[in-house]
């Protein structure tokens, strides 16, 4: 029997972004070799125009703090 999800797509995306930030926050800084930082994670956000106006604190933190942790963020629209 199908049980509908109690979260909307936007809520689910917010929860995933929040969890990703919390996982990223405990990582050590990504090592740098030959002036290049090692990439650990690539986050791709499609339909980014739907998320950028929502003032998502965790997404803002990923964008600001992610580079030092080896997280790259791509926005597509």
PDB file of N, CA and C in Angstrom:
ATOM      1  N   UNK A   1       0.836  -1.168   0.000  1.00  0.00           N
ATOM      2  CA  UNK A   1       0.000   0.000   0.000  1.00  0.00           C
ATOM      3  C   UNK A   1       0.889   1.241   0.000  1.00  0.00           C
ATOM      4  N   UNK A   2       0.542   2.218  -0.790  1.00  0.00           N
ATOM      5  CA  UNK A   2       1.304   3.459  -0.910  1.00  0.00           C
ATOM      6  C   UNK A   2       0.960   4.398   0.235  1.00  0.00           C
ATOM      7  N   UNK A   3       2.002   4.880   0.901  1.00  0.00           N
ATOM      8  CA  UNK A   3       1.817   5.874   1.959  1.00  0.00           C
ATOM      9  C   UNK A   3       2.431   7.178   1.483  1.00  0.00           C
ATOM     10  N   UNK A   4       1.639   8.228   1.353  1.00  0.00           N
ATOM     11  CA  UNK A   4       2.192   9.489   0.845  1.00  0.00           C
ATOM     12  C   UNK A   4       3.200  10.088   1.820  1.00  0.00           C
ATOM     13  N   UNK A   5       4.181  10.761   1.252  1.00  0.00           N
ATOM     14  CA  UNK A   5       5.198  11.424   2.064  1.00  0.00           C
ATOM     15  C   UNK A   5       4.581  12.641   2.745  1.00  0.00           C
ATOM     16  N   UNK A   6       4.945  12.868   3.992  1.00  0.00           N
ATOM     17  CA  UNK A   6       4.359  14.000   4.688  1.00  0.00           C
ATOM     18  C   UNK A   6       5.143  15.287   4.459  1.00  0.00           C
ATOM     19  N   UNK A   7       6.252  15.209   3.710  1.00  0.00           N
ATOM     20  CA  UNK A   7       7.045  16.391   3.405  1.00  0.00           C
ATOM     21  C   UNK A   7       6.829  16.801   1.955  1.00  0.00           C
ATOM     22  N   UNK A   8       6.847  18.089   1.712  1.00  0.00           N
ATOM     23  CA  UNK A   8       6.815  18.573   0.338  1.00  0.00           C
ATOM     24  C   UNK A   8       8.217  18.443  -0.249  1.00  0.00           C
ATOM     25  N   UNK A   9       8.338  18.637  -1.557  1.00  0.00           N
ATOM     26  CA  UNK A   9       9.653  18.575  -2.196  1.00  0.00           C
ATOM     27  C   UNK A   9      10.588  19.628  -1.618  1.00  0.00           C
ATOM     28  N   UNK A  10      10.069  20.813  -1.342  1.00  0.00           N
ATOM     29  CA  UNK A  10      10.885  21.890  -0.798  1.00  0.00           C
ATOM     30  C   UNK A  10      11.383  21.552   0.608  1.00  0.00           C
ATOM     31  N   UNK A  11      10.518  20.977   1.422  1.00  0.00           N
ATOM     32  CA  UNK A  11      10.913  20.589   2.775  1.00  0.00           C
ATOM     33  C   UNK A  11      11.957  19.481   2.729  1.00  0.00           C
ATOM     34  N   UNK A  12      11.765  18.534   1.846  1.00  0.00           N
ATOM     35  CA  UNK A  12      12.722  17.438   1.718  1.00  0.00           C
ATOM     36  C   UNK A  12      14.086  17.969   1.283  1.00  0.00           C
ATOM     37  N   UNK A  13      14.099  18.884   0.313  1.00  0.00           N
ATOM     38  CA  UNK A  13      15.358  19.469  -0.142  1.00  0.00           C
ATOM     39  C   UNK A  13      16.034  20.232   0.996  1.00  0.00           C
ATOM     40  N   UNK A  14      15.263  20.974   1.774  1.00  0.00           N
ATOM     41  CA  UNK A  14      15.818  21.718   2.906  1.00  0.00           C
ATOM     42  C   UNK A  14      16.456  20.770   3.914  1.00  0.00           C
ATOM     43  N   UNK A  15      15.783  19.664   4.207  1.00  0.00           N
ATOM     44  CA  UNK A  15      16.317  18.699   5.165  1.00  0.00           C
ATOM     45  C   UNK A  15      17.596  18.044   4.660  1.00  0.00           C
ATOM     46  N   UNK A  16      17.659  17.760   3.362  1.00  0.00           N
ATOM     47  CA  UNK A  16      18.871  17.171   2.780  1.00  0.00           C
ATOM     48  C   UNK A  16      20.020  18.169   2.851  1.00  0.00           C
ATOM     49  N   UNK A  17      19.758  19.437   2.532  1.00  0.00           N
ATOM     50  CA  UNK A  17      20.791  20.466   2.588  1.00  0.00           C
ATOM     51  C   UNK A  17      21.265  20.665   4.026  1.00  0.00           C
ATOM     52  N   UNK A  18      20.340  20.658   4.970  1.00  0.00           N
ATOM     53  CA  UNK A  18      20.704  20.795   6.379  1.00  0.00           C
ATOM     54  C   UNK A  18      21.611  19.647   6.813  1.00  0.00           C
ATOM     55  N   UNK A  19      21.253  18.433   6.444  1.00  0.00           N
ATOM     56  CA  UNK A  19      22.056  17.264   6.809  1.00  0.00           C
ATOM     57  C   UNK A  19      23.437  17.307   6.165  1.00  0.00           C
ATOM     58  N   UNK A  20      23.484  17.718   4.907  1.00  0.00           N
ATOM     59  CA  UNK A  20      24.763  17.835   4.218  1.00  0.00           C
ATOM     60  C   UNK A  20      25.657  18.846   4.932  1.00  0.00           C
ATOM     61  N   UNK A  21      25.092  19.971   5.353  1.00  0.00           N
ATOM     62  CA  UNK A  21      25.886  20.962   6.075  1.00  0.00           C
ATOM     63  C   UNK A  21      26.425  20.377   7.378  1.00  0.00           C
ATOM     64  N   UNK A  22      25.584  19.683   8.116  1.00  0.00           N
ATOM     65  CA  UNK A  22      26.019  19.129   9.397  1.00  0.00           C
ATOM     66  C   UNK A  22      27.121  18.089   9.208  1.00  0.00           C
ATOM     67  N   UNK A  23      27.044  17.296   8.152  1.00  0.00           N
ATOM     68  CA  UNK A  23      28.103  16.334   7.849  1.00  0.00           C
ATOM     69  C   UNK A  23      29.380  17.060   7.439  1.00  0.00           C
ATOM     70  N   UNK A  24      29.235  18.125   6.642  1.00  0.00           N
ATOM     71  CA  UNK A  24      30.380  18.883   6.181  1.00  0.00           C
ATOM     72  C   UNK A  24      31.084  19.592   7.339  1.00  0.00           C
ATOM     73  N   UNK A  25      30.327  20.076   8.299  1.00  0.00           N
ATOM     74  CA  UNK A  25      30.878  20.873   9.391  1.00  0.00           C
ATOM     75  C   UNK A  25      31.882  20.090  10.243  1.00  0.00           C
ATOM     76  N   UNK A  26      31.727  18.783  10.323  1.00  0.00           N
ATOM     77  CA  UNK A  26      32.635  17.985  11.155  1.00  0.00           C
ATOM     78  C   UNK A  26      33.850  17.469  10.385  1.00  0.00           C
ATOM     79  N   UNK A  27      33.893  17.699   9.085  1.00  0.00           N
ATOM     80  CA  UNK A  27      35.036  17.262   8.284  1.00  0.00           C
ATOM     81  C   UNK A  27      36.246  18.138   8.578  1.00  0.00           C
ATOM     82  N   UNK A  28      37.439  17.563   8.505  1.00  0.00           N
ATOM     83  CA  UNK A  28      38.635  18.410   8.587  1.00  0.00           C
ATOM     84  C   UNK A  28      38.771  19.210   7.291  1.00  0.00           C
ATOM     85  N   UNK A  29      39.577  20.255   7.325  1.00  0.00           N
ATOM     86  CA  UNK A  29      39.820  21.012   6.098  1.00  0.00           C
ATOM     87  C   UNK A  29      40.425  20.095   5.041  1.00  0.00           C
ATOM     88  N   UNK A  30      40.012  20.324   3.818  1.00  0.00           N
ATOM     89  CA  UNK A  30      40.485  19.531   2.691  1.00  0.00           C
ATOM     90  C   UNK A  30      41.953  19.872   2.406  1.00  0.00           C
ATOM     91  N   UNK A  31      42.793  18.854   2.153  1.00  0.00           N
ATOM     92  CA  UNK A  31      44.214  19.141   1.890  1.00  0.00           C
ATOM     93  C   UNK A  31      44.416  19.881   0.567  1.00  0.00           C
ATOM     94  N   UNK A  32      45.483  20.661   0.532  1.00  0.00           N
ATOM     95  CA  UNK A  32      45.856  21.408  -0.673  1.00  0.00           C
ATOM     96  C   UNK A  32      47.155  20.835  -1.193  1.00  0.00           C
ATOM     97  N   UNK A  33      47.173  20.484  -2.482  1.00  0.00           N
ATOM     98  CA  UNK A  33      48.386  19.976  -3.128  1.00  0.00           C
ATOM     99  C   UNK A  33      48.565  20.727  -4.447  1.00  0.00           C
ATOM    100  N   UNK A  34      49.753  21.248  -4.668  1.00  0.00           N
ATOM    101  CA  UNK A  34      50.043  22.000  -5.902  1.00  0.00           C
ATOM    102  C   UNK A  34      49.055  23.140  -6.119  1.00  0.00           C
ATOM    103  N   UNK A  35      48.745  23.860  -5.054  1.00  0.00           N
ATOM    104  CA  UNK A  35      47.809  24.996  -5.093  1.00  0.00           C
ATOM    105  C   UNK A  35      46.389  24.596  -5.495  1.00  0.00           C
ATOM    106  N   UNK A  36      46.034  23.342  -5.328  1.00  0.00           N
ATOM    107  CA  UNK A  36      44.674  22.868  -5.634  1.00  0.00           C
ATOM    108  C   UNK A  36      44.126  22.120  -4.435  1.00  0.00           C
ATOM    109  N   UNK A  37      42.921  22.468  -4.080  1.00  0.00           N
ATOM    110  CA  UNK A  37      42.265  21.831  -2.936  1.00  0.00           C
ATOM    111  C   UNK A  37      41.581  20.544  -3.400  1.00  0.00           C
ATOM    112  N   UNK A  38      41.684  19.506  -2.599  1.00  0.00           N
ATOM    113  CA  UNK A  38      41.037  18.234  -2.895  1.00  0.00           C
ATOM    114  C   UNK A  38      39.523  18.389  -2.761  1.00  0.00           C
ATOM    115  N   UNK A  39      38.779  17.891  -3.745  1.00  0.00           N
ATOM    116  CA  UNK A  39      37.319  17.962  -3.732  1.00  0.00           C
ATOM    117  C   UNK A  39      36.776  16.666  -3.142  1.00  0.00           C
ATOM    118  N   UNK A  40      35.930  16.803  -2.125  1.00  0.00           N
ATOM    119  CA  UNK A  40      35.294  15.641  -1.499  1.00  0.00           C
ATOM    120  C   UNK A  40      33.858  15.444  -1.982  1.00  0.00           C
ATOM    121  N   UNK A  41      33.162  16.546  -2.199  1.00  0.00           N
ATOM    122  CA  UNK A  41      31.738  16.476  -2.516  1.00  0.00           C
ATOM    123  C   UNK A  41      31.386  17.533  -3.551  1.00  0.00           C
ATOM    124  N   UNK A  42      30.533  17.163  -4.496  1.00  0.00           N
ATOM    125  CA  UNK A  42      29.995  18.117  -5.460  1.00  0.00           C
ATOM    126  C   UNK A  42      28.479  18.150  -5.259  1.00  0.00           C
ATOM    127  N   UNK A  43      27.979  19.318  -4.907  1.00  0.00           N
ATOM    128  CA  UNK A  43      26.544  19.519  -4.710  1.00  0.00           C
ATOM    129  C   UNK A  43      26.011  20.267  -5.926  1.00  0.00           C
ATOM    130  N   UNK A  44      25.083  19.655  -6.651  1.00  0.00           N
ATOM    131  CA  UNK A  44      24.474  20.271  -7.824  1.00  0.00           C
ATOM    132  C   UNK A  44      23.029  20.590  -7.477  1.00  0.00           C
ATOM    133  N   UNK A  45      22.676  21.863  -7.612  1.00  0.00           N
ATOM    134  CA  UNK A  45      21.306  22.292  -7.314  1.00  0.00           C
ATOM    135  C   UNK A  45      20.668  22.734  -8.613  1.00  0.00           C
ATOM    136  N   UNK A  46      19.762  21.906  -9.110  1.00  0.00           N
ATOM    137  CA  UNK A  46      19.017  22.226 -10.325  1.00  0.00           C
ATOM    138  C   UNK A  46      17.818  23.080  -9.932  1.00  0.00           C
ATOM    139  N   UNK A  47      17.356  23.876 -10.854  1.00  0.00           N
ATOM    140  CA  UNK A  47      16.266  24.821 -10.577  1.00  0.00           C
ATOM    141  C   UNK A  47      16.648  25.718  -9.401  1.00  0.00           C
ATOM    142  N   UNK A  48      17.888  26.188  -9.415  1.00  0.00           N
ATOM    143  CA  UNK A  48      18.447  26.961  -8.307  1.00  0.00           C
ATOM    144  C   UNK A  48      17.643  28.215  -7.999  1.00  0.00           C
ATOM    145  N   UNK A  49      16.990  28.778  -8.999  1.00  0.00           N
ATOM    146  CA  UNK A  49      16.205  29.988  -8.756  1.00  0.00           C
ATOM    147  C   UNK A  49      15.099  29.748  -7.728  1.00  0.00           C
ATOM    148  N   UNK A  50      14.710  28.489  -7.548  1.00  0.00           N
ATOM    149  CA  UNK A  50      13.687  28.171  -6.542  1.00  0.00           C
ATOM    150  C   UNK A  50      14.242  28.170  -5.120  1.00  0.00           C
ATOM    151  N   UNK A  51      15.540  28.035  -4.965  1.00  0.00           N
ATOM    152  CA  UNK A  51      16.152  27.917  -3.639  1.00  0.00           C
ATOM    153  C   UNK A  51      16.885  29.171  -3.191  1.00  0.00           C
ATOM    154  N   UNK A  52      17.394  29.944  -4.136  1.00  0.00           N
ATOM    155  CA  UNK A  52      18.236  31.082  -3.768  1.00  0.00           C
ATOM    156  C   UNK A  52      17.459  32.189  -3.068  1.00  0.00           C
ATOM    157  N   UNK A  53      16.190  32.318  -3.337  1.00  0.00           N
ATOM    158  CA  UNK A  53      15.397  33.365  -2.701  1.00  0.00           C
ATOM    159  C   UNK A  53      14.801  32.970  -1.362  1.00  0.00           C
ATOM    160  N   UNK A  54      15.038  31.743  -0.914  1.00  0.00           N
ATOM    161  CA  UNK A  54      14.391  31.244   0.302  1.00  0.00           C
ATOM    162  C   UNK A  54      15.179  31.513   1.576  1.00  0.00           C
ATOM    163  N   UNK A  55      16.347  32.118   1.480  1.00  0.00           N
ATOM    164  CA  UNK A  55      17.174  32.429   2.643  1.00  0.00           C
ATOM    165  C   UNK A  55      17.467  31.183   3.481  1.00  0.00           C
ATOM    166  N   UNK A  56      17.871  30.130   2.804  1.00  0.00           N
ATOM    167  CA  UNK A  56      18.206  28.873   3.453  1.00  0.00           C
ATOM    168  C   UNK A  56      19.559  29.020   4.148  1.00  0.00           C
ATOM    169  N   UNK A  57      19.544  29.090   5.468  1.00  0.00           N
ATOM    170  CA  UNK A  57      20.752  29.316   6.263  1.00  0.00           C
ATOM    171  C   UNK A  57      21.806  28.244   6.000  1.00  0.00           C
ATOM    172  N   UNK A  58      21.387  26.993   5.892  1.00  0.00           N
ATOM    173  CA  UNK A  58      22.345  25.909   5.700  1.00  0.00           C
ATOM    174  C   UNK A  58      22.974  25.961   4.316  1.00  0.00           C
ATOM    175  N   UNK A  59      22.204  26.322   3.299  1.00  0.00           N
ATOM    176  CA  UNK A  59      22.770  26.467   1.960  1.00  0.00           C
ATOM    177  C   UNK A  59      23.763  27.628   1.943  1.00  0.00           C
ATOM    178  N   UNK A  60      23.450  28.711   2.607  1.00  0.00           N
ATOM    179  CA  UNK A  60      24.382  29.846   2.687  1.00  0.00           C
ATOM    180  C   UNK A  60      25.682  29.423   3.363  1.00  0.00           C
ATOM    181  N   UNK A  61      25.582  28.635   4.401  1.00  0.00           N
ATOM    182  CA  UNK A  61      26.782  28.179   5.112  1.00  0.00           C
ATOM    183  C   UNK A  61      27.610  27.228   4.261  1.00  0.00           C
ATOM    184  N   UNK A  62      26.935  26.359   3.514  1.00  0.00           N
ATOM    185  CA  UNK A  62      27.667  25.456   2.613  1.00  0.00           C
ATOM    186  C   UNK A  62      28.435  26.271   1.582  1.00  0.00           C
ATOM    187  N   UNK A  63      27.803  27.296   1.027  1.00  0.00           N
ATOM    188  CA  UNK A  63      28.458  28.126   0.022  1.00  0.00           C
ATOM    189  C   UNK A  63      29.657  28.846   0.633  1.00  0.00           C
ATOM    190  N   UNK A  64      29.505  29.374   1.832  1.00  0.00           N
ATOM    191  CA  UNK A  64      30.573  30.158   2.463  1.00  0.00           C
ATOM    192  C   UNK A  64      31.706  29.290   3.012  1.00  0.00           C
ATOM    193  N   UNK A  65      31.363  28.183   3.644  1.00  0.00           N
ATOM    194  CA  UNK A  65      32.357  27.384   4.353  1.00  0.00           C
ATOM    195  C   UNK A  65      32.807  26.141   3.589  1.00  0.00           C
ATOM    196  N   UNK A  66      32.085  25.792   2.559  1.00  0.00           N
ATOM    197  CA  UNK A  66      32.321  24.528   1.871  1.00  0.00           C
ATOM    198  C   UNK A  66      33.655  24.389   1.180  1.00  0.00           C
ATOM    199  N   UNK A  67      34.154  25.467   0.628  1.00  0.00           N
ATOM    200  CA  UNK A  67      35.402  25.373  -0.138  1.00  0.00           C
ATOM    201  C   UNK A  67      36.539  24.840   0.714  1.00  0.00           C
ATOM    202  N   UNK A  68      36.633  25.304   1.951  1.00  0.00           N
ATOM    203  CA  UNK A  68      37.730  24.836   2.807  1.00  0.00           C
ATOM    204  C   UNK A  68      37.572  23.368   3.190  1.00  0.00           C
ATOM    205  N   UNK A  69      36.356  22.847   3.087  1.00  0.00           N
ATOM    206  CA  UNK A  69      36.095  21.447   3.411  1.00  0.00           C
ATOM    207  C   UNK A  69      36.122  20.545   2.181  1.00  0.00           C
ATOM    208  N   UNK A  70      36.324  21.132   1.002  1.00  0.00           N
ATOM    209  CA  UNK A  70      36.362  20.349  -0.226  1.00  0.00           C
ATOM    210  C   UNK A  70      34.992  20.120  -0.835  1.00  0.00           C
ATOM    211  N   UNK A  71      34.066  21.037  -0.569  1.00  0.00           N
ATOM    212  CA  UNK A  71      32.710  20.933  -1.123  1.00  0.00           C
ATOM    213  C   UNK A  71      32.561  21.989  -2.223  1.00  0.00           C
ATOM    214  N   UNK A  72      32.126  21.547  -3.391  1.00  0.00           N
ATOM    215  CA  UNK A  72      31.886  22.428  -4.530  1.00  0.00           C
ATOM    216  C   UNK A  72      30.388  22.490  -4.765  1.00  0.00           C
ATOM    217  N   UNK A  73      29.862  23.688  -5.025  1.00  0.00           N
ATOM    218  CA  UNK A  73      28.431  23.861  -5.267  1.00  0.00           C
ATOM    219  C   UNK A  73      28.240  24.399  -6.679  1.00  0.00           C
ATOM    220  N   UNK A  74      27.414  23.702  -7.468  1.00  0.00           N
ATOM    221  CA  UNK A  74      27.030  24.151  -8.804  1.00  0.00           C
ATOM    222  C   UNK A  74      25.552  24.499  -8.790  1.00  0.00           C
ATOM    223  N   UNK A  75      25.223  25.639  -9.370  1.00  0.00           N
ATOM    224  CA  UNK A  75      23.833  26.040  -9.489  1.00  0.00           C
ATOM    225  C   UNK A  75      23.432  25.985 -10.948  1.00  0.00           C
ATOM    226  N   UNK A  76      22.310  25.364 -11.228  1.00  0.00           N
ATOM    227  CA  UNK A  76      21.782  25.298 -12.590  1.00  0.00           C
ATOM    228  C   UNK A  76      20.343  25.774 -12.563  1.00  0.00           C
ATOM    229  N   UNK A  77      19.932  26.386 -13.662  1.00  0.00           N
ATOM    230  CA  UNK A  77      18.569  26.886 -13.704  1.00  0.00           C
ATOM    231  C   UNK A  77      17.982  26.672 -15.078  1.00  0.00           C
TER     232      UNK A  77
END
